[in-house]
N, C-alpha and C. Protein backbone atom coordinates (compact mmCIF):
# COMPACT_ATOMS: atom_id res chain seq x y z
N MET A 1 16.45 -21.31 -10.56
CA MET A 1 15.21 -20.65 -10.95
C MET A 1 15.47 -19.16 -11.12
N GLU A 2 14.90 -18.57 -12.15
CA GLU A 2 15.06 -17.14 -12.43
C GLU A 2 14.34 -16.32 -11.38
N SER A 3 14.94 -15.18 -11.02
CA SER A 3 14.33 -14.26 -10.06
C SER A 3 13.91 -12.99 -10.77
N VAL A 4 12.75 -12.48 -10.40
CA VAL A 4 12.26 -11.19 -10.85
C VAL A 4 12.35 -10.27 -9.65
N LEU A 5 13.10 -9.19 -9.77
CA LEU A 5 13.36 -8.32 -8.63
C LEU A 5 12.35 -7.19 -8.57
N ILE A 6 11.71 -7.05 -7.41
CA ILE A 6 10.77 -5.96 -7.18
C ILE A 6 11.22 -5.18 -5.97
N ALA A 7 11.35 -3.87 -6.13
CA ALA A 7 11.72 -3.00 -5.02
C ALA A 7 10.43 -2.48 -4.38
N VAL A 8 10.39 -2.55 -3.06
CA VAL A 8 9.23 -2.09 -2.29
C VAL A 8 9.68 -0.93 -1.41
N GLY A 9 8.97 0.17 -1.48
CA GLY A 9 9.37 1.39 -0.77
C GLY A 9 9.00 1.41 0.69
N SER A 10 9.31 0.34 1.40
CA SER A 10 9.05 0.25 2.84
C SER A 10 9.90 -0.87 3.41
N THR A 11 10.23 -0.75 4.69
CA THR A 11 10.91 -1.84 5.38
C THR A 11 10.04 -2.37 6.53
N ARG A 12 8.80 -1.92 6.62
CA ARG A 12 7.90 -2.38 7.69
C ARG A 12 7.46 -3.82 7.44
N ARG A 13 7.63 -4.64 8.45
CA ARG A 13 7.35 -6.08 8.34
C ARG A 13 5.94 -6.40 7.82
N PRO A 14 4.86 -5.80 8.37
CA PRO A 14 3.53 -6.15 7.85
C PRO A 14 3.36 -5.84 6.37
N LYS A 15 3.95 -4.74 5.93
CA LYS A 15 3.84 -4.38 4.51
C LYS A 15 4.60 -5.38 3.63
N ILE A 16 5.80 -5.73 4.04
CA ILE A 16 6.60 -6.68 3.26
C ILE A 16 5.92 -8.05 3.23
N GLN A 17 5.37 -8.47 4.35
CA GLN A 17 4.65 -9.76 4.37
C GLN A 17 3.43 -9.73 3.45
N ALA A 18 2.73 -8.60 3.44
CA ALA A 18 1.56 -8.47 2.57
C ALA A 18 1.96 -8.51 1.10
N VAL A 19 3.05 -7.83 0.77
CA VAL A 19 3.54 -7.85 -0.61
C VAL A 19 3.93 -9.28 -0.99
N ARG A 20 4.62 -9.97 -0.11
CA ARG A 20 5.02 -11.37 -0.36
C ARG A 20 3.78 -12.24 -0.62
N GLN A 21 2.73 -12.07 0.18
CA GLN A 21 1.51 -12.85 -0.01
C GLN A 21 0.90 -12.57 -1.39
N ALA A 22 0.83 -11.30 -1.76
CA ALA A 22 0.26 -10.94 -3.07
C ALA A 22 1.10 -11.54 -4.19
N LEU A 23 2.41 -11.43 -4.08
CA LEU A 23 3.29 -11.94 -5.13
C LEU A 23 3.23 -13.46 -5.22
N ASP A 24 3.12 -14.14 -4.08
CA ASP A 24 2.99 -15.60 -4.11
C ASP A 24 1.77 -16.03 -4.91
N GLU A 25 0.68 -15.28 -4.75
CA GLU A 25 -0.55 -15.59 -5.47
C GLU A 25 -0.45 -15.24 -6.96
N LEU A 26 0.29 -14.18 -7.27
CA LEU A 26 0.32 -13.64 -8.63
C LEU A 26 1.49 -14.10 -9.48
N THR A 27 2.47 -14.75 -8.89
CA THR A 27 3.67 -15.13 -9.63
C THR A 27 3.37 -15.85 -10.94
N PRO A 28 2.48 -16.86 -10.95
CA PRO A 28 2.21 -17.54 -12.24
C PRO A 28 1.66 -16.60 -13.32
N LEU A 29 0.92 -15.59 -12.90
CA LEU A 29 0.33 -14.65 -13.86
C LEU A 29 1.32 -13.61 -14.34
N LEU A 30 2.28 -13.25 -13.47
CA LEU A 30 3.21 -12.17 -13.78
C LEU A 30 4.52 -12.64 -14.40
N CYS A 31 5.03 -13.78 -13.93
CA CYS A 31 6.36 -14.15 -14.41
C CYS A 31 6.54 -15.66 -14.56
N GLY A 32 5.45 -16.39 -14.78
CA GLY A 32 5.54 -17.82 -15.08
C GLY A 32 6.25 -18.61 -14.02
N SER A 33 7.34 -19.27 -14.40
CA SER A 33 8.04 -20.15 -13.47
C SER A 33 9.10 -19.41 -12.65
N ALA A 34 9.32 -18.14 -12.94
CA ALA A 34 10.29 -17.36 -12.15
C ALA A 34 9.69 -17.08 -10.77
N GLU A 35 10.52 -16.59 -9.87
CA GLU A 35 9.99 -16.20 -8.57
C GLU A 35 10.41 -14.78 -8.25
N PHE A 36 9.57 -14.11 -7.47
CA PHE A 36 9.86 -12.73 -7.09
C PHE A 36 10.84 -12.69 -5.94
N GLU A 37 11.75 -11.74 -6.03
CA GLU A 37 12.66 -11.43 -4.93
C GLU A 37 12.40 -9.98 -4.56
N ILE A 38 12.16 -9.74 -3.27
CA ILE A 38 11.81 -8.40 -2.80
C ILE A 38 13.03 -7.69 -2.24
N ALA A 39 13.22 -6.44 -2.69
CA ALA A 39 14.22 -5.56 -2.09
C ALA A 39 13.45 -4.49 -1.32
N ALA A 40 13.51 -4.52 0.00
CA ALA A 40 12.81 -3.56 0.84
C ALA A 40 13.70 -2.35 1.08
N VAL A 41 13.23 -1.18 0.66
CA VAL A 41 14.03 0.05 0.74
C VAL A 41 13.15 1.15 1.33
N ASP A 42 13.63 1.78 2.39
CA ASP A 42 12.87 2.86 3.00
C ASP A 42 13.08 4.13 2.18
N VAL A 43 12.01 4.62 1.57
CA VAL A 43 12.07 5.85 0.77
C VAL A 43 10.97 6.79 1.24
N PRO A 44 11.16 8.10 1.08
CA PRO A 44 10.15 9.06 1.54
C PRO A 44 8.93 9.08 0.64
N SER A 45 7.80 9.41 1.27
CA SER A 45 6.54 9.50 0.52
C SER A 45 6.31 10.88 -0.04
N GLY A 46 6.91 11.90 0.59
CA GLY A 46 6.66 13.27 0.16
C GLY A 46 5.31 13.81 0.62
N VAL A 47 4.61 13.05 1.46
CA VAL A 47 3.33 13.51 2.00
C VAL A 47 3.39 13.43 3.54
N ARG A 48 2.39 13.99 4.20
CA ARG A 48 2.39 13.99 5.68
C ARG A 48 2.31 12.56 6.22
N PRO A 49 2.69 12.35 7.48
CA PRO A 49 2.69 10.99 8.06
C PRO A 49 1.34 10.27 7.96
N THR A 50 0.25 11.00 8.17
CA THR A 50 -1.08 10.43 7.95
C THR A 50 -1.78 11.26 6.88
N PRO A 51 -1.70 10.81 5.62
CA PRO A 51 -2.41 11.54 4.56
C PRO A 51 -3.90 11.65 4.86
N LEU A 52 -4.50 12.77 4.46
CA LEU A 52 -5.91 13.01 4.76
C LEU A 52 -6.79 13.12 3.52
N SER A 53 -6.34 12.52 2.43
CA SER A 53 -7.18 12.47 1.23
C SER A 53 -6.71 11.33 0.34
N ARG A 54 -7.59 10.89 -0.51
CA ARG A 54 -7.26 9.87 -1.49
C ARG A 54 -6.13 10.35 -2.39
N GLU A 55 -6.20 11.61 -2.80
CA GLU A 55 -5.17 12.16 -3.67
C GLU A 55 -3.80 12.14 -3.01
N GLU A 56 -3.77 12.47 -1.72
CA GLU A 56 -2.50 12.49 -1.00
C GLU A 56 -1.93 11.08 -0.84
N MET A 57 -2.79 10.10 -0.57
CA MET A 57 -2.32 8.71 -0.48
C MET A 57 -1.79 8.23 -1.82
N MET A 58 -2.51 8.54 -2.89
CA MET A 58 -2.06 8.13 -4.22
C MET A 58 -0.72 8.79 -4.56
N ALA A 59 -0.58 10.07 -4.22
CA ALA A 59 0.68 10.77 -4.48
C ALA A 59 1.81 10.13 -3.68
N GLY A 60 1.56 9.79 -2.42
CA GLY A 60 2.58 9.17 -1.58
C GLY A 60 3.04 7.83 -2.14
N ALA A 61 2.09 7.02 -2.59
CA ALA A 61 2.43 5.72 -3.17
C ALA A 61 3.25 5.90 -4.44
N ARG A 62 2.82 6.81 -5.31
CA ARG A 62 3.55 7.05 -6.56
C ARG A 62 4.93 7.64 -6.28
N ASN A 63 5.02 8.57 -5.34
CA ASN A 63 6.32 9.16 -5.00
C ASN A 63 7.31 8.10 -4.55
N ARG A 64 6.85 7.14 -3.75
CA ARG A 64 7.74 6.07 -3.28
C ARG A 64 8.23 5.22 -4.46
N ALA A 65 7.31 4.86 -5.36
CA ALA A 65 7.70 4.05 -6.52
C ALA A 65 8.68 4.81 -7.40
N GLU A 66 8.43 6.10 -7.60
CA GLU A 66 9.33 6.91 -8.43
C GLU A 66 10.70 7.07 -7.78
N ALA A 67 10.74 7.17 -6.45
CA ALA A 67 12.02 7.25 -5.73
C ALA A 67 12.82 5.96 -5.95
N LEU A 68 12.15 4.83 -5.92
CA LEU A 68 12.82 3.55 -6.16
C LEU A 68 13.36 3.47 -7.58
N ALA A 69 12.59 3.95 -8.55
CA ALA A 69 13.04 3.94 -9.95
C ALA A 69 14.28 4.82 -10.11
N ARG A 70 14.30 5.97 -9.42
CA ARG A 70 15.49 6.84 -9.46
C ARG A 70 16.71 6.14 -8.87
N ILE A 71 16.53 5.47 -7.74
CA ILE A 71 17.63 4.73 -7.11
C ILE A 71 18.15 3.67 -8.06
N ALA A 72 17.23 2.95 -8.71
CA ALA A 72 17.64 1.90 -9.66
C ALA A 72 18.48 2.47 -10.78
N ARG A 73 18.05 3.61 -11.34
CA ARG A 73 18.80 4.24 -12.44
C ARG A 73 20.17 4.74 -11.96
N GLU A 74 20.19 5.43 -10.82
CA GLU A 74 21.42 6.04 -10.33
C GLU A 74 22.43 5.02 -9.82
N GLN A 75 21.94 3.92 -9.24
CA GLN A 75 22.84 2.93 -8.64
C GLN A 75 22.95 1.64 -9.45
N GLY A 76 22.29 1.60 -10.59
CA GLY A 76 22.36 0.41 -11.44
C GLY A 76 21.74 -0.83 -10.82
N ARG A 77 20.67 -0.64 -10.04
CA ARG A 77 20.00 -1.78 -9.41
C ARG A 77 19.19 -2.55 -10.45
N PRO A 78 19.14 -3.88 -10.36
CA PRO A 78 18.46 -4.69 -11.38
C PRO A 78 16.96 -4.90 -11.12
N TRP A 79 16.33 -3.97 -10.42
CA TRP A 79 14.92 -4.11 -10.10
C TRP A 79 14.08 -3.96 -11.37
N LEU A 80 13.08 -4.82 -11.53
CA LEU A 80 12.19 -4.75 -12.70
C LEU A 80 10.87 -4.05 -12.40
N TYR A 81 10.46 -4.09 -11.12
CA TYR A 81 9.23 -3.43 -10.69
C TYR A 81 9.54 -2.54 -9.50
N PHE A 82 8.75 -1.47 -9.37
CA PHE A 82 8.90 -0.52 -8.27
C PHE A 82 7.53 -0.35 -7.62
N LEU A 83 7.45 -0.63 -6.33
CA LEU A 83 6.16 -0.65 -5.64
C LEU A 83 6.16 0.34 -4.49
N GLY A 84 5.26 1.30 -4.57
CA GLY A 84 5.07 2.26 -3.48
C GLY A 84 3.76 1.99 -2.77
N LEU A 85 3.78 2.11 -1.45
CA LEU A 85 2.60 1.86 -0.63
C LEU A 85 2.32 3.08 0.23
N GLU A 86 1.06 3.41 0.41
CA GLU A 86 0.70 4.52 1.30
C GLU A 86 -0.68 4.26 1.89
N GLY A 87 -0.76 4.41 3.19
CA GLY A 87 -2.04 4.30 3.88
C GLY A 87 -2.39 5.65 4.47
N GLY A 88 -3.65 5.82 4.77
CA GLY A 88 -4.08 7.08 5.37
C GLY A 88 -5.59 7.14 5.43
N LEU A 89 -6.09 8.36 5.44
CA LEU A 89 -7.52 8.59 5.61
C LEU A 89 -8.06 9.40 4.44
N ASP A 90 -9.25 9.05 4.01
CA ASP A 90 -9.96 9.81 2.99
C ASP A 90 -11.14 10.47 3.68
N VAL A 91 -11.12 11.80 3.74
CA VAL A 91 -12.17 12.56 4.41
C VAL A 91 -13.17 13.01 3.36
N VAL A 92 -14.41 12.57 3.51
CA VAL A 92 -15.46 12.93 2.55
C VAL A 92 -16.67 13.47 3.30
N HIS A 93 -17.51 14.18 2.55
CA HIS A 93 -18.76 14.70 3.13
C HIS A 93 -19.92 14.14 2.33
N GLU A 94 -20.85 13.55 3.06
CA GLU A 94 -22.00 12.92 2.42
C GLU A 94 -23.25 13.34 3.18
N SER A 95 -24.16 14.00 2.48
CA SER A 95 -25.41 14.49 3.08
C SER A 95 -25.15 15.32 4.33
N GLY A 96 -24.12 16.17 4.28
CA GLY A 96 -23.82 17.06 5.39
C GLY A 96 -23.06 16.42 6.55
N THR A 97 -22.68 15.17 6.40
CA THR A 97 -21.96 14.46 7.46
C THR A 97 -20.54 14.16 7.00
N ARG A 98 -19.59 14.37 7.90
CA ARG A 98 -18.21 14.02 7.59
C ARG A 98 -17.99 12.53 7.84
N LEU A 99 -17.43 11.87 6.86
CA LEU A 99 -17.07 10.47 6.99
C LEU A 99 -15.57 10.36 6.74
N VAL A 100 -14.88 9.57 7.55
CA VAL A 100 -13.44 9.42 7.43
C VAL A 100 -13.14 7.93 7.24
N PHE A 101 -12.56 7.61 6.09
CA PHE A 101 -12.30 6.22 5.73
C PHE A 101 -10.81 5.90 5.77
N LEU A 102 -10.48 4.78 6.39
CA LEU A 102 -9.13 4.24 6.37
C LEU A 102 -8.94 3.53 5.03
N GLN A 103 -7.82 3.80 4.35
CA GLN A 103 -7.54 3.19 3.05
C GLN A 103 -6.05 2.90 2.92
N ASN A 104 -5.74 1.98 2.03
CA ASN A 104 -4.36 1.72 1.62
C ASN A 104 -4.31 1.80 0.11
N TRP A 105 -3.25 2.41 -0.40
CA TRP A 105 -3.04 2.53 -1.83
C TRP A 105 -1.68 1.97 -2.21
N ALA A 106 -1.60 1.40 -3.38
CA ALA A 106 -0.34 0.91 -3.94
C ALA A 106 -0.18 1.51 -5.33
N TYR A 107 1.07 1.74 -5.70
CA TYR A 107 1.39 2.15 -7.07
C TYR A 107 2.56 1.29 -7.51
N VAL A 108 2.38 0.61 -8.65
CA VAL A 108 3.43 -0.25 -9.19
C VAL A 108 3.82 0.28 -10.56
N ALA A 109 5.13 0.38 -10.79
CA ALA A 109 5.65 0.76 -12.10
C ALA A 109 6.70 -0.27 -12.51
N ASP A 110 6.93 -0.38 -13.82
CA ASP A 110 8.00 -1.27 -14.28
C ASP A 110 9.07 -0.44 -14.96
N THR A 111 10.08 -1.09 -15.46
CA THR A 111 11.22 -0.37 -16.05
C THR A 111 10.86 0.38 -17.33
N SER A 112 9.74 0.03 -17.94
CA SER A 112 9.33 0.75 -19.15
C SER A 112 8.61 2.05 -18.82
N GLY A 113 8.28 2.24 -17.53
CA GLY A 113 7.55 3.44 -17.11
C GLY A 113 6.06 3.21 -16.98
N ARG A 114 5.61 2.03 -17.33
CA ARG A 114 4.19 1.70 -17.18
C ARG A 114 3.86 1.64 -15.70
N GLY A 115 2.72 2.19 -15.29
CA GLY A 115 2.35 2.18 -13.88
C GLY A 115 0.87 2.02 -13.67
N ALA A 116 0.51 1.59 -12.45
CA ALA A 116 -0.90 1.39 -12.13
C ALA A 116 -1.12 1.54 -10.63
N PHE A 117 -2.28 2.07 -10.27
CA PHE A 117 -2.69 2.20 -8.88
C PHE A 117 -3.59 1.03 -8.47
N GLY A 118 -3.61 0.75 -7.18
CA GLY A 118 -4.55 -0.21 -6.62
C GLY A 118 -4.97 0.25 -5.24
N GLN A 119 -6.20 -0.04 -4.86
CA GLN A 119 -6.74 0.40 -3.58
C GLN A 119 -7.23 -0.80 -2.79
N SER A 120 -7.20 -0.66 -1.47
CA SER A 120 -7.57 -1.74 -0.56
C SER A 120 -9.06 -1.90 -0.36
N GLY A 121 -9.82 -0.88 -0.59
CA GLY A 121 -11.17 -0.80 -0.06
C GLY A 121 -11.12 0.26 1.02
N ALA A 122 -12.19 0.41 1.78
CA ALA A 122 -12.23 1.48 2.77
C ALA A 122 -13.01 1.04 4.00
N LEU A 123 -12.60 1.58 5.14
CA LEU A 123 -13.23 1.26 6.42
C LEU A 123 -13.49 2.56 7.16
N ALA A 124 -14.74 2.81 7.53
CA ALA A 124 -15.09 4.05 8.23
C ALA A 124 -14.53 4.04 9.65
N LEU A 125 -13.89 5.13 10.05
CA LEU A 125 -13.38 5.27 11.41
C LEU A 125 -14.47 5.78 12.34
N PRO A 126 -14.45 5.33 13.59
CA PRO A 126 -15.35 5.94 14.58
C PRO A 126 -15.00 7.43 14.70
N GLU A 127 -15.98 8.25 14.96
CA GLU A 127 -15.77 9.70 15.01
C GLU A 127 -14.72 10.09 16.05
N SER A 128 -14.68 9.40 17.19
CA SER A 128 -13.70 9.75 18.22
C SER A 128 -12.27 9.58 17.70
N LEU A 129 -12.01 8.56 16.93
CA LEU A 129 -10.69 8.32 16.36
C LEU A 129 -10.43 9.29 15.21
N ALA A 130 -11.42 9.49 14.36
CA ALA A 130 -11.28 10.42 13.24
C ALA A 130 -10.97 11.82 13.73
N SER A 131 -11.64 12.25 14.78
CA SER A 131 -11.43 13.59 15.33
C SER A 131 -10.01 13.77 15.84
N ARG A 132 -9.46 12.76 16.50
CA ARG A 132 -8.08 12.85 17.01
C ARG A 132 -7.09 13.09 15.86
N VAL A 133 -7.30 12.39 14.76
CA VAL A 133 -6.35 12.48 13.65
C VAL A 133 -6.63 13.71 12.78
N VAL A 134 -7.85 13.86 12.34
CA VAL A 134 -8.19 14.93 11.40
C VAL A 134 -8.22 16.30 12.07
N ASP A 135 -8.90 16.41 13.21
CA ASP A 135 -9.08 17.71 13.85
C ASP A 135 -7.89 18.11 14.73
N GLU A 136 -7.33 17.13 15.46
CA GLU A 136 -6.26 17.45 16.40
C GLU A 136 -4.86 17.24 15.82
N GLY A 137 -4.77 16.61 14.64
CA GLY A 137 -3.48 16.44 13.99
C GLY A 137 -2.60 15.35 14.57
N VAL A 138 -3.19 14.45 15.33
CA VAL A 138 -2.42 13.33 15.91
C VAL A 138 -2.18 12.29 14.81
N ASP A 139 -0.96 11.77 14.73
CA ASP A 139 -0.65 10.73 13.75
C ASP A 139 -1.52 9.51 14.02
N LEU A 140 -2.00 8.86 12.96
CA LEU A 140 -2.88 7.70 13.12
C LEU A 140 -2.22 6.59 13.95
N ALA A 141 -0.91 6.38 13.79
CA ALA A 141 -0.22 5.34 14.55
C ALA A 141 -0.35 5.59 16.05
N GLU A 142 -0.19 6.83 16.47
CA GLU A 142 -0.32 7.18 17.89
C GLU A 142 -1.78 7.10 18.33
N ALA A 143 -2.69 7.60 17.50
CA ALA A 143 -4.11 7.62 17.86
C ALA A 143 -4.68 6.21 17.98
N ILE A 144 -4.28 5.29 17.09
CA ILE A 144 -4.83 3.93 17.15
C ILE A 144 -4.27 3.18 18.35
N ASP A 145 -3.03 3.46 18.74
CA ASP A 145 -2.48 2.86 19.96
C ASP A 145 -3.33 3.27 21.17
N ALA A 146 -3.63 4.56 21.27
CA ALA A 146 -4.44 5.06 22.39
C ALA A 146 -5.85 4.48 22.33
N PHE A 147 -6.43 4.45 21.16
CA PHE A 147 -7.79 3.93 20.96
C PHE A 147 -7.87 2.46 21.38
N ALA A 148 -6.86 1.68 20.98
CA ALA A 148 -6.86 0.23 21.28
C ALA A 148 -6.26 -0.09 22.64
N GLN A 149 -5.69 0.93 23.28
CA GLN A 149 -4.98 0.75 24.55
C GLN A 149 -3.89 -0.32 24.42
N LYS A 150 -3.12 -0.19 23.33
CA LYS A 150 -2.00 -1.09 23.04
C LYS A 150 -0.83 -0.26 22.55
N ARG A 151 0.32 -0.91 22.39
CA ARG A 151 1.49 -0.25 21.82
C ARG A 151 1.88 -0.96 20.53
N GLY A 152 2.32 -0.18 19.52
CA GLY A 152 2.83 -0.77 18.29
C GLY A 152 1.79 -1.43 17.40
N VAL A 153 0.57 -0.91 17.43
CA VAL A 153 -0.52 -1.50 16.63
C VAL A 153 -0.16 -1.52 15.15
N ARG A 154 0.48 -0.45 14.65
CA ARG A 154 0.73 -0.40 13.21
C ARG A 154 1.71 -1.47 12.74
N ASP A 155 2.51 -2.01 13.64
CA ASP A 155 3.43 -3.07 13.26
C ASP A 155 2.87 -4.46 13.58
N SER A 156 1.60 -4.50 13.98
CA SER A 156 0.94 -5.79 14.17
C SER A 156 -0.32 -5.82 13.32
N GLU A 157 -1.48 -5.82 13.93
CA GLU A 157 -2.72 -5.92 13.15
C GLU A 157 -3.11 -4.63 12.45
N GLY A 158 -2.53 -3.50 12.88
CA GLY A 158 -2.86 -2.22 12.28
C GLY A 158 -4.25 -1.75 12.69
N ALA A 159 -4.57 -0.53 12.27
CA ALA A 159 -5.88 0.02 12.56
C ALA A 159 -6.99 -0.86 11.97
N TRP A 160 -6.69 -1.45 10.80
CA TRP A 160 -7.67 -2.36 10.18
C TRP A 160 -8.05 -3.48 11.15
N GLY A 161 -7.06 -4.12 11.74
CA GLY A 161 -7.31 -5.23 12.65
C GLY A 161 -8.06 -4.81 13.89
N VAL A 162 -7.67 -3.66 14.45
CA VAL A 162 -8.35 -3.16 15.65
C VAL A 162 -9.82 -2.88 15.36
N LEU A 163 -10.08 -2.18 14.26
CA LEU A 163 -11.45 -1.74 13.96
C LEU A 163 -12.36 -2.85 13.44
N THR A 164 -11.78 -3.95 12.94
CA THR A 164 -12.61 -5.07 12.46
C THR A 164 -12.49 -6.29 13.37
N LYS A 165 -11.89 -6.10 14.55
CA LYS A 165 -11.69 -7.22 15.50
C LYS A 165 -10.95 -8.38 14.83
N GLY A 166 -9.97 -8.02 14.00
CA GLY A 166 -9.12 -9.02 13.37
C GLY A 166 -9.65 -9.65 12.09
N LEU A 167 -10.83 -9.24 11.65
CA LEU A 167 -11.39 -9.82 10.42
C LEU A 167 -10.64 -9.34 9.19
N ILE A 168 -10.15 -8.09 9.22
CA ILE A 168 -9.31 -7.56 8.15
C ILE A 168 -8.10 -6.95 8.83
N THR A 169 -6.91 -7.46 8.52
CA THR A 169 -5.70 -6.91 9.12
C THR A 169 -5.05 -5.90 8.18
N ARG A 170 -4.05 -5.22 8.70
CA ARG A 170 -3.29 -4.30 7.85
C ARG A 170 -2.69 -5.06 6.67
N GLU A 171 -2.17 -6.26 6.92
CA GLU A 171 -1.60 -7.06 5.84
C GLU A 171 -2.64 -7.35 4.77
N ASP A 172 -3.87 -7.69 5.20
CA ASP A 172 -4.94 -7.96 4.23
C ASP A 172 -5.18 -6.75 3.34
N ALA A 173 -5.28 -5.58 3.95
CA ALA A 173 -5.56 -4.36 3.20
C ALA A 173 -4.43 -4.04 2.21
N VAL A 174 -3.19 -4.17 2.66
CA VAL A 174 -2.06 -3.90 1.77
C VAL A 174 -2.02 -4.93 0.64
N ARG A 175 -2.26 -6.19 0.97
CA ARG A 175 -2.25 -7.25 -0.05
C ARG A 175 -3.27 -6.96 -1.15
N VAL A 176 -4.47 -6.54 -0.77
CA VAL A 176 -5.50 -6.24 -1.76
C VAL A 176 -5.09 -5.06 -2.63
N SER A 177 -4.49 -4.03 -2.02
CA SER A 177 -4.07 -2.87 -2.83
C SER A 177 -2.97 -3.27 -3.81
N VAL A 178 -2.04 -4.12 -3.38
CA VAL A 178 -0.95 -4.57 -4.26
C VAL A 178 -1.51 -5.43 -5.39
N THR A 179 -2.39 -6.36 -5.06
CA THR A 179 -3.00 -7.21 -6.08
C THR A 179 -3.77 -6.36 -7.09
N SER A 180 -4.50 -5.37 -6.60
CA SER A 180 -5.28 -4.49 -7.48
C SER A 180 -4.37 -3.71 -8.43
N ALA A 181 -3.23 -3.23 -7.92
CA ALA A 181 -2.31 -2.49 -8.78
C ALA A 181 -1.65 -3.41 -9.80
N LEU A 182 -1.24 -4.58 -9.37
CA LEU A 182 -0.56 -5.51 -10.28
C LEU A 182 -1.48 -6.11 -11.33
N ALA A 183 -2.79 -6.03 -11.11
CA ALA A 183 -3.74 -6.56 -12.09
C ALA A 183 -3.52 -5.95 -13.47
N ALA A 184 -3.12 -4.68 -13.51
CA ALA A 184 -2.87 -4.02 -14.80
C ALA A 184 -1.73 -4.67 -15.57
N PHE A 185 -0.86 -5.39 -14.86
CA PHE A 185 0.30 -6.01 -15.51
C PHE A 185 0.03 -7.43 -15.99
N PHE A 186 -1.05 -8.04 -15.51
CA PHE A 186 -1.32 -9.41 -15.97
C PHE A 186 -2.66 -9.58 -16.66
N ALA A 187 -3.55 -8.64 -16.53
CA ALA A 187 -4.88 -8.79 -17.14
C ALA A 187 -4.90 -8.15 -18.52
N SER A 188 -5.20 -8.94 -19.52
CA SER A 188 -5.33 -8.37 -20.87
C SER A 188 -6.65 -7.64 -20.96
N ARG A 189 -6.84 -6.92 -22.05
CA ARG A 189 -8.07 -6.16 -22.21
C ARG A 189 -9.32 -7.02 -22.13
N ASP A 190 -9.24 -8.25 -22.66
CA ASP A 190 -10.41 -9.12 -22.62
C ASP A 190 -10.45 -9.97 -21.37
N GLY A 191 -9.44 -9.80 -20.48
CA GLY A 191 -9.44 -10.52 -19.22
C GLY A 191 -9.05 -11.97 -19.32
N SER A 192 -8.51 -12.40 -20.47
CA SER A 192 -8.26 -13.85 -20.68
C SER A 192 -6.86 -14.32 -20.34
N GLY A 193 -5.97 -13.41 -19.90
CA GLY A 193 -4.66 -13.95 -19.59
C GLY A 193 -3.58 -12.91 -19.39
N SER A 194 -2.37 -13.37 -19.45
CA SER A 194 -1.20 -12.55 -19.15
C SER A 194 -0.93 -11.55 -20.25
N SER A 195 -0.45 -10.36 -19.85
CA SER A 195 -0.07 -9.35 -20.83
C SER A 195 1.45 -9.35 -21.01
N HIS A 196 2.19 -10.20 -20.27
CA HIS A 196 3.65 -10.27 -20.39
C HIS A 196 4.05 -11.60 -20.99
């Protein structure tokens, strides 16, 4: 069976599992009878550990995908798609109130340079958690461990799982962002089928 190689700019298990789930669902739409093979590569995002805006998360996801494309060119890697992932917080003000939303973003590019963003949706953080990260500068991974009174939350259910009591996990959020980004590669303008 033919393999389609996709490089993912992370080696974190929950992220790779989420990408695998998205690709399993999308394979018939993206590459017919071929199957995806994932190359997990740790690349820098170029943004702070916990991004604090939508723009910063989008930049981090795109930076990771572009880093993978550079590696492919420089090292002759046979990757056909480059996937960058970035999670963080979007700080907004609505009617004089600060709201802080947890989000995940994905950016997918192919060898032709075509690219697309996808977003997970958003989950409002409790003010006590938002304040630790936004005001005190504590990394979200450390803050969510303290909030949940657990260790290693980001490598298990993630902040998503803690804040939704397991109804939405980190994997779920990443999977949705990846599916949303990849939609640009399989949805035609009229929505009737594959664009490849």
